[in-house]
Amino acid sequence: MIMNCGASENTSTASRAGEAEKAPSFQIADLNGNILDSKDFEGKVVIVNFWATWCPPCLKEIPDFIKAYDEFKDKGLEILGLAVSDTEDKVRQFVKNNDINYPVAMATDEIVQAFQPGNYIPSTIIIDLKGAVAHRHVGVMTRDAIAKYLKEFSK
């Protein structure tokens, strides 16, 4: 499941027009062994971020994810980091060293197939309050973009 790093430009595709794509249901264990179930995220804007510890653009966006989660988790935002092409030990150490405050799990082949993030990371999928894929973003995501999407997709 190796994905390529370095989407040098941000590219986005919206799924708002026409029939909305329903976000896939999932259950996945986070790094602490807690089962994360898509049902637990219903009624929230969910940011699903595919990333890796060795990907410079991924590393650039993580501080903004941490800030946004701290700022907006009580306002209906959920973030799920899905690490790809890394060992669990390396990801666990990275999460600890960087004080990542949102749930992180190892991306399984099944979850990659379900979400279809594409070939490049970082890749972020935003799910709206109704459980539809509202937006796909390839490249670095900023705190300001997260705030914008939260406001837009909380309606």
Protein backbone atom coordinates (compact mmCIF):
# COMPACT_ATOMS: atom_id res chain seq x y z
CA MET A 1 0.00 0.00 0.00
CA ILE A 2 2.90 2.38 -0.58
CA MET A 3 1.68 5.81 -1.51
CA ASN A 4 3.79 8.56 -3.00
CA CYS A 5 4.63 11.63 -1.00
CA GLY A 6 4.96 15.11 -2.27
CA ALA A 7 1.83 16.36 -3.85
CA SER A 8 3.53 19.66 -4.57
CA GLU A 9 0.33 21.49 -5.24
CA ASN A 10 -2.95 21.30 -3.41
CA THR A 11 -5.67 19.75 -5.51
CA SER A 12 -9.23 19.46 -4.43
CA THR A 13 -12.38 17.90 -5.72
CA ALA A 14 -15.73 18.62 -4.24
CA SER A 15 -18.49 16.05 -4.06
CA ARG A 16 -21.33 18.47 -3.35
CA ALA A 17 -22.81 18.61 -6.84
CA GLY A 18 -25.41 16.01 -7.66
CA GLU A 19 -25.58 12.77 -5.73
CA ALA A 20 -23.34 12.89 -2.67
CA GLU A 21 -20.97 9.99 -2.15
CA LYS A 22 -21.72 8.27 1.15
CA ALA A 23 -18.64 7.91 3.31
CA PRO A 24 -17.64 4.30 3.94
CA SER A 25 -18.45 2.67 7.25
CA PHE A 26 -15.40 1.47 9.15
CA GLN A 27 -14.05 0.07 12.36
CA ILE A 28 -10.34 0.39 13.05
CA ALA A 29 -8.15 0.12 16.13
CA ASP A 30 -6.20 3.24 17.02
CA LEU A 31 -2.63 3.06 18.34
CA ASN A 32 -3.96 2.64 21.88
CA GLY A 33 -6.13 -0.34 20.91
CA ASN A 34 -9.40 1.61 21.07
CA ILE A 35 -11.87 0.66 18.36
CA LEU A 36 -12.88 3.67 16.28
CA ASP A 37 -16.26 3.14 14.65
CA SER A 38 -17.64 5.43 11.95
CA LYS A 39 -20.95 5.39 13.85
CA ASP A 40 -19.24 7.23 16.71
CA PHE A 41 -18.49 10.13 14.35
CA GLU A 42 -22.07 10.64 13.13
CA GLY A 43 -23.23 14.24 13.40
CA LYS A 44 -19.67 15.60 13.18
CA VAL A 45 -17.48 16.92 10.42
CA VAL A 46 -14.79 14.27 10.09
CA ILE A 47 -11.36 14.83 8.58
CA VAL A 48 -9.74 11.57 7.52
CA ASN A 49 -6.06 12.22 6.82
CA PHE A 50 -3.77 9.71 5.11
CA TRP A 51 -0.14 10.48 5.96
CA ALA A 52 3.31 9.02 6.75
CA THR A 53 6.17 9.91 9.09
CA TRP A 54 8.63 10.11 6.18
CA CYS A 55 6.57 12.53 4.07
CA PRO A 56 7.70 16.20 4.41
CA PRO A 57 4.32 17.73 3.36
CA CYS A 58 2.58 15.45 5.88
CA LEU A 59 4.93 16.63 8.63
CA LYS A 60 4.26 20.24 7.66
CA GLU A 61 0.49 19.92 8.15
CA ILE A 62 0.45 17.98 11.44
CA PRO A 63 0.94 21.05 13.71
CA ASP A 64 -2.11 22.63 12.04
CA PHE A 65 -4.14 19.45 12.61
CA ILE A 66 -3.13 19.53 16.28
CA LYS A 67 -4.15 23.21 16.63
CA ALA A 68 -7.43 22.70 14.77
CA TYR A 69 -8.38 19.64 16.81
CA ASP A 70 -7.62 21.48 20.03
CA GLU A 71 -9.66 24.47 18.89
CA PHE A 72 -12.62 22.76 17.19
CA LYS A 73 -13.10 19.29 18.72
CA ASP A 74 -15.83 20.69 20.98
CA LYS A 75 -17.46 22.40 17.97
CA GLY A 76 -18.23 19.26 15.99
CA LEU A 77 -14.85 18.42 14.42
CA GLU A 78 -13.26 15.00 14.48
CA ILE A 79 -9.88 14.17 12.96
CA LEU A 80 -8.64 10.67 12.21
CA GLY A 81 -5.02 10.25 11.15
CA LEU A 82 -4.37 7.09 9.13
CA ALA A 83 -0.68 6.30 8.79
CA VAL A 84 0.42 4.52 5.61
CA SER A 85 3.66 2.78 4.65
CA ASP A 86 5.15 2.94 8.14
CA THR A 87 5.67 0.54 11.02
CA GLU A 88 3.36 0.83 13.98
CA ASP A 89 6.32 1.35 16.34
CA LYS A 90 7.60 4.26 14.25
CA VAL A 91 4.15 5.86 14.09
CA ARG A 92 3.57 5.36 17.82
CA GLN A 93 6.91 7.06 18.62
CA PHE A 94 6.16 9.89 16.18
CA VAL A 95 2.72 10.50 17.73
CA LYS A 96 4.26 10.59 21.20
CA ASN A 97 7.16 12.87 20.21
CA ASN A 98 4.84 15.32 18.47
CA ASP A 99 2.03 15.30 21.05
CA ILE A 100 -0.60 14.42 18.46
CA ASN A 101 -3.93 14.95 20.22
CA TYR A 102 -6.32 13.30 17.75
CA PRO A 103 -6.86 9.58 17.09
CA VAL A 104 -4.25 7.90 14.90
CA ALA A 105 -4.47 4.41 13.44
CA MET A 106 -2.53 2.36 10.94
CA ALA A 107 -4.27 2.42 7.56
CA THR A 108 -5.28 -1.07 6.52
CA ASP A 109 -5.62 -2.19 2.92
CA GLU A 110 -9.38 -2.38 3.53
CA ILE A 111 -9.66 1.21 4.73
CA VAL A 112 -7.52 2.49 1.85
CA GLN A 113 -9.75 0.57 -0.58
CA ALA A 114 -12.89 1.94 1.09
CA PHE A 115 -11.79 5.62 1.11
CA GLN A 116 -9.73 5.56 -2.10
CA PRO A 117 -7.45 8.45 -1.11
CA GLY A 118 -5.50 8.24 -4.37
CA ASN A 119 -1.80 7.72 -4.96
CA TYR A 120 -0.38 10.74 -3.15
CA ILE A 121 -0.10 11.81 0.47
CA PRO A 122 -0.99 13.80 2.33
CA SER A 123 -4.52 13.09 1.23
CA THR A 124 -7.50 14.28 3.24
CA ILE A 125 -11.14 13.32 2.93
CA ILE A 126 -13.76 15.48 4.62
CA ILE A 127 -17.06 13.94 5.65
CA ASP A 128 -19.99 16.26 6.34
CA LEU A 129 -22.62 16.09 9.08
CA LYS A 130 -24.81 13.84 6.94
CA GLY A 131 -22.06 11.25 6.46
CA ALA A 132 -21.28 12.15 2.86
CA VAL A 133 -17.83 12.71 1.37
CA ALA A 134 -18.01 16.47 0.99
CA HIS A 135 -14.47 17.18 -0.16
CA ARG A 136 -11.19 15.50 -1.14
CA HIS A 137 -7.92 17.36 -0.73
CA VAL A 138 -4.45 16.27 -1.83
CA GLY A 139 -1.54 18.24 -0.41
CA VAL A 140 -0.91 20.18 2.76
CA MET A 141 -4.01 21.11 4.79
CA THR A 142 -3.81 24.22 6.98
CA ARG A 143 -5.62 25.15 10.17
CA ASP A 144 -7.43 27.92 8.26
CA ALA A 145 -8.61 25.47 5.60
CA ILE A 146 -9.85 23.12 8.32
CA ALA A 147 -11.78 25.98 9.94
CA LYS A 148 -13.29 26.90 6.56
CA TYR A 149 -14.35 23.32 5.84
CA LEU A 150 -15.78 22.90 9.33
CA LYS A 151 -17.93 25.98 8.85
CA GLU A 152 -18.96 25.03 5.31
CA PHE A 153 -19.78 21.38 6.01
CA SER A 154 -21.45 21.88 9.39
CA LYS A 155 -24.61 23.04 7.64
